[in-house]
N, C-alpha and C. Protein backbone atom coordinates (compact mmCIF):
# COMPACT_ATOMS: atom_id res chain seq x y z
N UNK A 1 163.81 34.71 -88.67
CA UNK A 1 164.70 33.82 -87.97
C UNK A 1 166.06 33.84 -88.64
N UNK A 2 167.11 33.76 -87.85
CA UNK A 2 168.45 33.81 -88.38
C UNK A 2 169.00 32.40 -88.55
N UNK A 3 170.00 32.27 -89.41
CA UNK A 3 170.58 30.98 -89.71
C UNK A 3 171.46 30.51 -88.55
N UNK A 4 171.32 29.23 -88.21
CA UNK A 4 172.09 28.66 -87.11
C UNK A 4 173.20 27.78 -87.65
N UNK A 5 174.36 27.78 -86.99
CA UNK A 5 175.41 26.84 -87.38
C UNK A 5 174.90 25.40 -87.22
N UNK A 6 175.42 24.47 -88.03
CA UNK A 6 174.93 23.09 -87.97
C UNK A 6 175.01 22.46 -86.58
N UNK A 7 176.06 22.74 -85.83
CA UNK A 7 176.18 22.16 -84.48
C UNK A 7 175.06 22.68 -83.59
N UNK A 8 174.75 23.95 -83.70
CA UNK A 8 173.68 24.54 -82.88
C UNK A 8 172.33 23.95 -83.28
N UNK A 9 172.12 23.78 -84.58
CA UNK A 9 170.87 23.15 -85.04
C UNK A 9 170.76 21.73 -84.51
N UNK A 10 171.87 20.99 -84.53
CA UNK A 10 171.86 19.63 -83.97
C UNK A 10 171.52 19.65 -82.49
N UNK A 11 172.13 20.58 -81.74
CA UNK A 11 171.85 20.67 -80.30
C UNK A 11 170.39 21.05 -80.04
N UNK A 12 169.82 21.88 -80.89
CA UNK A 12 168.40 22.24 -80.74
C UNK A 12 167.52 21.02 -80.98
N UNK A 13 167.81 20.26 -82.02
CA UNK A 13 167.03 19.03 -82.28
C UNK A 13 167.22 18.04 -81.14
N UNK A 14 168.46 17.89 -80.66
CA UNK A 14 168.73 17.01 -79.53
C UNK A 14 167.93 17.42 -78.30
N UNK A 15 167.82 18.72 -78.07
CA UNK A 15 167.04 19.21 -76.92
C UNK A 15 165.57 18.85 -77.05
N UNK A 16 165.03 18.94 -78.25
CA UNK A 16 163.64 18.57 -78.46
C UNK A 16 163.45 17.07 -78.21
N UNK A 17 164.37 16.26 -78.70
CA UNK A 17 164.30 14.81 -78.48
C UNK A 17 164.37 14.51 -76.99
N UNK A 18 165.26 15.21 -76.27
CA UNK A 18 165.38 15.02 -74.83
C UNK A 18 164.11 15.45 -74.12
N UNK A 19 163.46 16.51 -74.59
CA UNK A 19 162.19 16.94 -73.98
C UNK A 19 161.12 15.87 -74.13
N UNK A 20 161.07 15.21 -75.28
CA UNK A 20 160.13 14.11 -75.48
C UNK A 20 160.48 12.95 -74.54
N UNK A 21 161.77 12.66 -74.40
CA UNK A 21 162.24 11.62 -73.48
C UNK A 21 161.82 11.95 -72.05
N UNK A 22 161.99 13.21 -71.66
CA UNK A 22 161.58 13.65 -70.32
C UNK A 22 160.09 13.41 -70.11
N UNK A 23 159.29 13.75 -71.11
CA UNK A 23 157.84 13.56 -71.01
C UNK A 23 157.51 12.09 -70.79
N UNK A 24 158.11 11.21 -71.59
CA UNK A 24 157.86 9.77 -71.42
C UNK A 24 158.32 9.29 -70.05
N UNK A 25 159.49 9.73 -69.62
CA UNK A 25 160.01 9.30 -68.33
C UNK A 25 159.15 9.83 -67.19
N UNK A 26 158.66 11.04 -67.32
CA UNK A 26 157.80 11.61 -66.29
C UNK A 26 156.49 10.85 -66.19
N UNK A 27 155.88 10.57 -67.33
CA UNK A 27 154.62 9.81 -67.34
C UNK A 27 154.85 8.41 -66.77
N UNK A 28 155.92 7.75 -67.19
CA UNK A 28 156.21 6.40 -66.69
C UNK A 28 156.51 6.43 -65.20
N UNK A 29 157.20 7.47 -64.74
CA UNK A 29 157.52 7.58 -63.31
C UNK A 29 156.26 7.80 -62.47
N UNK A 30 155.36 8.64 -62.96
CA UNK A 30 154.10 8.86 -62.24
C UNK A 30 153.27 7.58 -62.21
N UNK A 31 153.20 6.89 -63.33
CA UNK A 31 152.46 5.63 -63.38
C UNK A 31 153.08 4.61 -62.43
N UNK A 32 154.39 4.56 -62.41
CA UNK A 32 155.10 3.65 -61.51
C UNK A 32 154.86 4.03 -60.05
N UNK A 33 154.85 5.32 -59.78
CA UNK A 33 154.64 5.79 -58.41
C UNK A 33 153.24 5.41 -57.90
N UNK A 34 152.27 5.47 -58.81
CA UNK A 34 150.90 5.12 -58.41
C UNK A 34 150.77 3.62 -58.12
N UNK A 35 151.53 2.79 -58.80
CA UNK A 35 151.54 1.35 -58.55
C UNK A 35 152.96 0.99 -58.14
N UNK A 36 153.28 1.19 -56.88
CA UNK A 36 154.62 1.16 -56.31
C UNK A 36 155.44 -0.07 -56.71
N UNK A 37 154.82 -1.22 -56.82
CA UNK A 37 155.56 -2.45 -57.05
C UNK A 37 155.89 -2.69 -58.52
N UNK A 38 155.16 -2.07 -59.43
CA UNK A 38 155.37 -2.29 -60.86
C UNK A 38 156.25 -1.21 -61.45
N UNK A 39 157.08 -1.63 -62.36
CA UNK A 39 157.85 -0.66 -63.13
C UNK A 39 157.89 -1.17 -64.57
N UNK A 40 157.92 -0.27 -65.49
CA UNK A 40 157.95 -0.67 -66.89
C UNK A 40 159.40 -0.87 -67.34
N UNK A 41 159.55 -1.49 -68.46
CA UNK A 41 160.88 -1.77 -68.98
C UNK A 41 161.67 -0.48 -69.22
N UNK A 42 160.98 0.53 -69.69
CA UNK A 42 161.61 1.82 -69.98
C UNK A 42 162.26 2.40 -68.72
N UNK A 43 161.53 2.44 -67.61
CA UNK A 43 162.09 3.02 -66.38
C UNK A 43 163.19 2.12 -65.81
N UNK A 44 163.07 0.83 -65.98
CA UNK A 44 164.14 -0.07 -65.51
C UNK A 44 165.44 0.19 -66.28
N UNK A 45 165.32 0.43 -67.58
CA UNK A 45 166.51 0.73 -68.39
C UNK A 45 167.12 2.07 -67.96
N UNK A 46 166.28 3.07 -67.76
CA UNK A 46 166.77 4.38 -67.32
C UNK A 46 167.45 4.24 -65.96
N UNK A 47 166.83 3.50 -65.04
CA UNK A 47 167.42 3.32 -63.72
C UNK A 47 168.76 2.58 -63.79
N UNK A 48 168.82 1.59 -64.66
CA UNK A 48 170.05 0.81 -64.78
C UNK A 48 171.20 1.66 -65.31
N UNK A 49 170.91 2.53 -66.26
CA UNK A 49 171.95 3.35 -66.89
C UNK A 49 171.93 4.80 -66.40
N UNK A 50 171.45 5.03 -65.20
CA UNK A 50 171.31 6.40 -64.71
C UNK A 50 172.66 7.12 -64.57
N UNK A 51 173.67 6.45 -64.10
CA UNK A 51 174.97 7.12 -63.95
C UNK A 51 175.59 7.49 -65.30
N UNK A 52 175.62 6.59 -66.30
CA UNK A 52 176.11 7.03 -67.61
C UNK A 52 175.25 8.13 -68.24
N UNK A 53 173.93 8.07 -68.00
CA UNK A 53 173.06 9.12 -68.52
C UNK A 53 173.38 10.47 -67.89
N UNK A 54 173.54 10.50 -66.57
CA UNK A 54 173.87 11.75 -65.89
C UNK A 54 175.19 12.32 -66.43
N UNK A 55 176.18 11.45 -66.59
CA UNK A 55 177.47 11.92 -67.11
C UNK A 55 177.33 12.45 -68.53
N UNK A 56 176.59 11.75 -69.37
CA UNK A 56 176.42 12.17 -70.77
C UNK A 56 175.68 13.50 -70.86
N UNK A 57 174.66 13.66 -70.05
CA UNK A 57 173.88 14.91 -70.05
C UNK A 57 174.75 16.08 -69.62
N UNK A 58 175.48 15.92 -68.52
CA UNK A 58 176.31 17.03 -68.03
C UNK A 58 177.47 17.32 -68.98
N UNK A 59 178.05 16.27 -69.59
CA UNK A 59 179.12 16.48 -70.56
C UNK A 59 178.61 17.25 -71.78
N UNK A 60 177.44 16.87 -72.27
CA UNK A 60 176.86 17.56 -73.43
C UNK A 60 176.51 19.01 -73.09
N UNK A 61 175.89 19.23 -71.94
CA UNK A 61 175.51 20.59 -71.55
C UNK A 61 176.73 21.48 -71.33
N UNK A 62 177.73 20.95 -70.64
CA UNK A 62 178.95 21.73 -70.40
C UNK A 62 179.69 22.00 -71.70
N UNK A 63 179.83 20.97 -72.52
CA UNK A 63 180.49 21.14 -73.81
C UNK A 63 179.76 22.13 -74.71
N UNK A 64 178.44 22.07 -74.68
CA UNK A 64 177.64 22.99 -75.50
C UNK A 64 177.84 24.43 -75.07
N UNK A 65 177.80 24.67 -73.76
CA UNK A 65 177.96 26.05 -73.29
C UNK A 65 179.35 26.57 -73.62
N UNK A 66 180.36 25.71 -73.51
CA UNK A 66 181.70 26.14 -73.88
C UNK A 66 181.83 26.36 -75.38
N UNK A 67 181.15 25.56 -76.17
CA UNK A 67 181.14 25.75 -77.62
C UNK A 67 180.52 27.11 -77.98
N UNK A 68 179.39 27.41 -77.32
CA UNK A 68 178.73 28.68 -77.60
C UNK A 68 179.64 29.87 -77.30
N UNK A 69 180.33 29.81 -76.17
CA UNK A 69 181.14 30.97 -75.77
C UNK A 69 182.53 30.97 -76.37
N UNK A 70 183.19 29.83 -76.43
CA UNK A 70 184.59 29.81 -76.86
C UNK A 70 184.77 29.64 -78.36
N UNK A 71 183.87 28.92 -79.02
CA UNK A 71 184.00 28.70 -80.47
C UNK A 71 183.19 29.73 -81.25
N UNK A 72 181.92 29.88 -80.87
CA UNK A 72 181.06 30.82 -81.59
C UNK A 72 181.26 32.26 -81.12
N UNK A 73 181.86 32.45 -79.95
CA UNK A 73 182.12 33.79 -79.45
C UNK A 73 180.90 34.48 -78.86
N UNK A 74 179.88 33.72 -78.49
CA UNK A 74 178.70 34.31 -77.87
C UNK A 74 179.01 34.57 -76.41
N UNK A 75 179.00 35.83 -76.01
CA UNK A 75 179.32 36.19 -74.63
C UNK A 75 178.16 35.81 -73.73
N UNK A 76 178.43 35.02 -72.68
CA UNK A 76 177.35 34.64 -71.76
C UNK A 76 176.91 35.83 -70.90
N UNK A 77 175.63 35.91 -70.69
CA UNK A 77 175.10 36.96 -69.81
C UNK A 77 175.21 36.50 -68.36
N UNK A 78 174.78 37.37 -67.46
CA UNK A 78 174.86 37.08 -66.03
C UNK A 78 174.06 35.82 -65.67
N UNK A 79 172.85 35.69 -66.19
CA UNK A 79 172.04 34.52 -65.87
C UNK A 79 172.61 33.24 -66.48
N UNK A 80 173.25 33.36 -67.64
CA UNK A 80 173.94 32.19 -68.22
C UNK A 80 175.06 31.73 -67.29
N UNK A 81 175.77 32.67 -66.70
CA UNK A 81 176.84 32.29 -65.77
C UNK A 81 176.29 31.57 -64.55
N UNK A 82 175.16 32.03 -64.04
CA UNK A 82 174.56 31.34 -62.89
C UNK A 82 174.16 29.91 -63.26
N UNK A 83 173.63 29.74 -64.46
CA UNK A 83 173.28 28.39 -64.90
C UNK A 83 174.53 27.52 -65.02
N UNK A 84 175.61 28.10 -65.53
CA UNK A 84 176.87 27.37 -65.63
C UNK A 84 177.39 26.97 -64.26
N UNK A 85 177.21 27.87 -63.30
CA UNK A 85 177.68 27.59 -61.93
C UNK A 85 177.03 26.32 -61.39
N UNK A 86 175.80 26.05 -61.78
CA UNK A 86 175.11 24.87 -61.27
C UNK A 86 175.21 23.66 -62.20
N UNK A 87 175.67 23.85 -63.44
CA UNK A 87 175.87 22.71 -64.34
C UNK A 87 177.30 22.19 -64.29
N UNK A 88 178.28 23.08 -64.30
CA UNK A 88 179.68 22.65 -64.39
C UNK A 88 180.10 21.70 -63.26
N UNK A 89 179.73 21.92 -62.01
CA UNK A 89 180.17 20.98 -60.97
C UNK A 89 179.56 19.58 -61.13
N UNK A 90 178.46 19.50 -61.85
CA UNK A 90 177.84 18.20 -62.03
C UNK A 90 178.70 17.27 -62.88
N UNK A 91 179.52 17.82 -63.77
CA UNK A 91 180.34 17.00 -64.64
C UNK A 91 181.37 16.18 -63.85
N UNK A 92 182.23 16.79 -63.03
CA UNK A 92 183.16 15.95 -62.26
C UNK A 92 182.45 15.05 -61.25
N UNK A 93 181.35 15.53 -60.67
CA UNK A 93 180.60 14.68 -59.74
C UNK A 93 180.04 13.44 -60.46
N UNK A 94 179.46 13.65 -61.64
CA UNK A 94 178.91 12.53 -62.40
C UNK A 94 180.01 11.59 -62.88
N UNK A 95 181.15 12.14 -63.27
CA UNK A 95 182.26 11.30 -63.71
C UNK A 95 182.78 10.45 -62.55
N UNK A 96 182.95 11.06 -61.40
CA UNK A 96 183.42 10.33 -60.23
C UNK A 96 182.40 9.26 -59.82
N UNK A 97 181.13 9.61 -59.85
CA UNK A 97 180.09 8.64 -59.50
C UNK A 97 180.07 7.48 -60.49
N UNK A 98 180.24 7.78 -61.76
CA UNK A 98 180.28 6.73 -62.78
C UNK A 98 181.50 5.83 -62.58
N UNK A 99 182.63 6.44 -62.32
CA UNK A 99 183.86 5.67 -62.12
C UNK A 99 183.76 4.76 -60.90
N UNK A 100 183.18 5.28 -59.81
CA UNK A 100 183.06 4.50 -58.57
C UNK A 100 181.78 3.68 -58.49
N UNK A 101 180.90 3.88 -59.49
CA UNK A 101 179.57 3.24 -59.49
C UNK A 101 178.83 3.56 -58.19
N UNK A 102 178.87 4.83 -57.86
CA UNK A 102 178.30 5.32 -56.59
C UNK A 102 177.05 6.14 -56.87
N UNK A 103 175.91 5.60 -56.55
CA UNK A 103 174.65 6.31 -56.74
C UNK A 103 174.37 7.31 -55.62
N UNK A 104 175.23 7.35 -54.64
CA UNK A 104 175.07 8.27 -53.52
C UNK A 104 175.24 9.73 -53.91
N UNK A 105 175.67 9.99 -55.13
CA UNK A 105 175.85 11.37 -55.60
C UNK A 105 174.51 11.99 -55.99
N UNK A 106 173.48 11.18 -56.11
CA UNK A 106 172.18 11.64 -56.61
C UNK A 106 171.61 12.85 -55.87
N UNK A 107 171.65 12.90 -54.53
CA UNK A 107 171.09 14.09 -53.86
C UNK A 107 171.81 15.39 -54.25
N UNK A 108 173.12 15.33 -54.42
CA UNK A 108 173.87 16.53 -54.82
C UNK A 108 173.49 16.97 -56.22
N UNK A 109 173.40 16.02 -57.15
CA UNK A 109 173.01 16.34 -58.52
C UNK A 109 171.59 16.89 -58.53
N UNK A 110 170.72 16.31 -57.74
CA UNK A 110 169.33 16.77 -57.67
C UNK A 110 169.25 18.22 -57.20
N UNK A 111 169.97 18.56 -56.15
CA UNK A 111 169.93 19.93 -55.63
C UNK A 111 170.51 20.91 -56.65
N UNK A 112 171.66 20.59 -57.22
CA UNK A 112 172.26 21.47 -58.23
C UNK A 112 171.32 21.65 -59.42
N UNK A 113 170.67 20.58 -59.83
CA UNK A 113 169.76 20.65 -60.99
C UNK A 113 168.52 21.48 -60.68
N UNK A 114 167.96 21.33 -59.51
CA UNK A 114 166.76 22.09 -59.15
C UNK A 114 167.07 23.59 -59.07
N UNK A 115 168.21 23.94 -58.49
CA UNK A 115 168.58 25.36 -58.43
C UNK A 115 168.86 25.89 -59.84
N UNK A 116 169.58 25.10 -60.63
CA UNK A 116 169.85 25.50 -62.01
C UNK A 116 168.57 25.67 -62.82
N UNK A 117 167.59 24.80 -62.58
CA UNK A 117 166.29 24.92 -63.25
C UNK A 117 165.64 26.25 -62.94
N UNK A 118 165.74 26.69 -61.69
CA UNK A 118 165.15 27.97 -61.30
C UNK A 118 165.76 29.12 -62.10
N UNK A 119 167.09 29.12 -62.23
CA UNK A 119 167.74 30.16 -63.03
C UNK A 119 167.37 30.07 -64.50
N UNK A 120 167.25 28.84 -65.03
CA UNK A 120 166.87 28.67 -66.44
C UNK A 120 165.45 29.17 -66.68
N UNK A 121 164.54 28.84 -65.78
CA UNK A 121 163.16 29.29 -65.92
C UNK A 121 163.09 30.82 -65.86
N UNK A 122 163.82 31.39 -64.91
CA UNK A 122 163.85 32.86 -64.79
C UNK A 122 164.39 33.49 -66.07
N UNK A 123 165.49 32.94 -66.57
CA UNK A 123 166.13 33.48 -67.76
C UNK A 123 165.21 33.35 -68.98
N UNK A 124 164.61 32.19 -69.15
CA UNK A 124 163.72 31.98 -70.28
C UNK A 124 162.49 32.89 -70.17
N UNK A 125 161.98 33.04 -68.95
CA UNK A 125 160.84 33.93 -68.74
C UNK A 125 161.17 35.36 -69.11
N UNK A 126 162.37 35.81 -68.77
CA UNK A 126 162.79 37.16 -69.16
C UNK A 126 162.85 37.29 -70.67
N UNK A 127 163.37 36.27 -71.34
CA UNK A 127 163.45 36.33 -72.80
C UNK A 127 162.06 36.41 -73.43
N UNK A 128 161.13 35.64 -72.92
CA UNK A 128 159.77 35.66 -73.45
C UNK A 128 159.12 37.02 -73.17
N UNK A 129 159.25 37.51 -71.95
CA UNK A 129 158.64 38.79 -71.57
C UNK A 129 159.17 39.92 -72.44
N UNK A 130 160.49 39.99 -72.58
CA UNK A 130 161.06 41.09 -73.34
C UNK A 130 160.90 40.91 -74.84
N UNK A 131 160.60 39.70 -75.28
CA UNK A 131 160.25 39.50 -76.67
C UNK A 131 158.87 40.11 -76.95
N UNK A 132 158.02 40.07 -75.94
CA UNK A 132 156.69 40.68 -76.06
C UNK A 132 156.76 42.20 -75.93
N UNK A 133 157.71 42.68 -75.13
CA UNK A 133 157.86 44.12 -74.89
C UNK A 133 159.31 44.54 -75.16
N UNK A 134 159.73 44.58 -76.42
CA UNK A 134 161.14 44.85 -76.75
C UNK A 134 161.63 46.25 -76.34
N UNK A 135 160.73 47.17 -76.14
CA UNK A 135 161.16 48.52 -75.77
C UNK A 135 161.73 48.57 -74.35
N UNK A 136 161.54 47.52 -73.56
CA UNK A 136 162.02 47.49 -72.18
C UNK A 136 163.41 46.87 -72.03
N UNK A 137 164.03 46.42 -73.13
CA UNK A 137 165.31 45.72 -73.05
C UNK A 137 166.40 46.65 -72.53
N UNK A 138 167.14 46.16 -71.54
CA UNK A 138 168.29 46.88 -71.00
C UNK A 138 169.43 45.88 -70.84
N UNK A 139 170.62 46.39 -70.54
CA UNK A 139 171.75 45.51 -70.29
C UNK A 139 171.74 45.11 -68.82
N UNK A 140 172.31 43.94 -68.55
CA UNK A 140 172.28 43.40 -67.18
C UNK A 140 173.46 43.86 -66.34
N UNK A 141 174.61 44.04 -66.99
CA UNK A 141 175.81 44.36 -66.22
C UNK A 141 176.76 45.20 -67.07
N UNK A 142 177.96 45.41 -66.57
CA UNK A 142 178.92 46.29 -67.24
C UNK A 142 179.47 45.71 -68.55
N UNK A 143 179.26 44.43 -68.82
CA UNK A 143 179.75 43.85 -70.08
C UNK A 143 178.92 44.32 -71.25
N UNK A 144 177.73 44.82 -70.98
CA UNK A 144 176.85 45.27 -72.05
C UNK A 144 175.99 44.16 -72.63
N UNK A 145 176.11 42.96 -72.08
CA UNK A 145 175.33 41.82 -72.55
C UNK A 145 173.99 41.82 -71.83
N UNK A 146 172.94 41.63 -72.57
CA UNK A 146 171.61 41.60 -71.99
C UNK A 146 171.16 40.15 -71.82
N UNK A 147 170.54 39.86 -70.70
CA UNK A 147 170.03 38.52 -70.43
C UNK A 147 168.82 38.17 -71.30
N UNK A 148 168.25 39.15 -71.92
CA UNK A 148 167.02 38.91 -72.68
C UNK A 148 167.28 38.68 -74.17
N UNK A 149 168.48 38.94 -74.63
CA UNK A 149 168.80 38.68 -76.03
C UNK A 149 168.94 37.18 -76.26
N UNK A 150 168.28 36.69 -77.27
CA UNK A 150 168.39 35.28 -77.64
C UNK A 150 169.36 35.19 -78.81
N UNK A 151 170.55 34.63 -78.55
CA UNK A 151 171.54 34.52 -79.61
C UNK A 151 171.14 33.45 -80.62
N UNK A 152 170.23 32.58 -80.22
CA UNK A 152 169.70 31.57 -81.13
C UNK A 152 168.23 31.34 -80.81
N UNK A 153 167.49 30.99 -81.83
CA UNK A 153 166.08 30.64 -81.65
C UNK A 153 165.77 29.55 -82.67
N UNK A 154 165.35 28.40 -82.17
CA UNK A 154 165.01 27.28 -83.05
C UNK A 154 163.60 26.81 -82.68
N UNK A 155 162.86 26.43 -83.68
CA UNK A 155 161.51 25.89 -83.51
C UNK A 155 160.56 26.86 -82.82
N UNK A 156 160.89 28.12 -82.83
CA UNK A 156 160.02 29.14 -82.26
C UNK A 156 160.07 29.27 -80.76
N UNK A 157 160.85 28.41 -80.08
CA UNK A 157 160.91 28.51 -78.62
C UNK A 157 162.26 28.10 -78.03
N UNK A 158 163.06 27.39 -78.78
CA UNK A 158 164.30 26.83 -78.24
C UNK A 158 165.41 27.88 -78.23
N UNK A 159 165.78 28.30 -77.01
CA UNK A 159 166.89 29.22 -76.81
C UNK A 159 167.91 28.53 -75.90
N UNK A 160 169.00 29.18 -75.64
CA UNK A 160 170.03 28.59 -74.77
C UNK A 160 169.48 28.30 -73.37
N UNK A 161 168.73 29.22 -72.74
CA UNK A 161 168.17 28.89 -71.43
C UNK A 161 167.21 27.70 -71.47
N UNK A 162 166.48 27.52 -72.58
CA UNK A 162 165.59 26.37 -72.69
C UNK A 162 166.40 25.08 -72.82
N UNK A 163 167.52 25.15 -73.53
CA UNK A 163 168.40 23.99 -73.61
C UNK A 163 168.94 23.63 -72.22
N UNK A 164 169.35 24.65 -71.48
CA UNK A 164 169.85 24.41 -70.13
C UNK A 164 168.75 23.85 -69.24
N UNK A 165 167.55 24.40 -69.36
CA UNK A 165 166.41 23.90 -68.58
C UNK A 165 166.15 22.43 -68.89
N UNK A 166 166.26 22.06 -70.15
CA UNK A 166 166.05 20.68 -70.55
C UNK A 166 167.07 19.77 -69.88
N UNK A 167 168.34 20.16 -69.91
CA UNK A 167 169.39 19.34 -69.29
C UNK A 167 169.19 19.26 -67.77
N UNK A 168 168.89 20.40 -67.14
CA UNK A 168 168.65 20.39 -65.70
C UNK A 168 167.45 19.51 -65.34
N UNK A 169 166.38 19.61 -66.13
CA UNK A 169 165.17 18.83 -65.84
C UNK A 169 165.43 17.34 -65.95
N UNK A 170 166.17 16.91 -66.98
CA UNK A 170 166.45 15.49 -67.11
C UNK A 170 167.36 15.02 -65.98
N UNK A 171 168.37 15.80 -65.64
CA UNK A 171 169.23 15.44 -64.51
C UNK A 171 168.43 15.36 -63.21
N UNK A 172 167.53 16.30 -63.01
CA UNK A 172 166.71 16.29 -61.79
C UNK A 172 165.81 15.06 -61.76
N UNK A 173 165.22 14.73 -62.88
CA UNK A 173 164.32 13.58 -62.93
C UNK A 173 165.09 12.27 -62.69
N UNK A 174 166.22 12.11 -63.34
CA UNK A 174 167.01 10.89 -63.17
C UNK A 174 167.57 10.79 -61.76
N UNK A 175 168.13 11.88 -61.26
CA UNK A 175 168.69 11.84 -59.90
C UNK A 175 167.59 11.70 -58.86
N UNK A 176 166.42 12.28 -59.12
CA UNK A 176 165.28 12.10 -58.21
C UNK A 176 164.85 10.64 -58.15
N UNK A 177 164.86 9.98 -59.30
CA UNK A 177 164.55 8.54 -59.32
C UNK A 177 165.62 7.76 -58.55
N UNK A 178 166.88 8.18 -58.67
CA UNK A 178 167.95 7.51 -57.95
C UNK A 178 167.80 7.70 -56.44
N UNK A 179 167.46 8.90 -56.03
CA UNK A 179 167.25 9.17 -54.60
C UNK A 179 166.12 8.30 -54.07
N UNK A 180 165.06 8.21 -54.84
CA UNK A 180 163.93 7.37 -54.43
C UNK A 180 164.35 5.91 -54.31
N UNK A 181 165.15 5.43 -55.22
CA UNK A 181 165.62 4.04 -55.18
C UNK A 181 166.55 3.80 -54.00
N UNK A 182 167.38 4.82 -53.66
CA UNK A 182 168.30 4.69 -52.53
C UNK A 182 167.52 4.61 -51.24
N UNK A 183 166.45 5.42 -51.12
CA UNK A 183 165.70 5.49 -49.87
C UNK A 183 164.73 4.35 -49.68
N UNK A 184 164.39 3.63 -50.76
CA UNK A 184 163.43 2.52 -50.64
C UNK A 184 164.13 1.26 -50.23
């Protein structure tokens, strides 16, 4: 394993903490869904602060990707760009929704997050597959950057696509809860 800059190590730890948060929120949401009228304090807090959470998640994800490429000089691959395409628009949308206190943005965030999740899963799957079969590694485009190279690896599984997947999953879960609240 190679040494990671302190900011990248912090972001990797933050991603793991967010994954644990997602697990708790998912379990609480399923339990709440089974007993429609009851909600736990945890989900009520998440629902109350859903707009600031969405903004914070998208700001952190966007800032992190820019830090990786502009400060550390890690060239994004083609699949990283697709993930950025679905994360970057969420930042101004979440900021506008926060400013206007408008939860009506939830369906748009949900769709962008679900599509972004698909690209993150595909990208992470490619990294795992080619880690098992390194002789098959090729470049993706004319830049010479390969989608299967992991510029960072933390905790044996945390790569940039996994970080993006974590952010997309939390945004999808929070915005999905918002959509459900809007429709009820």
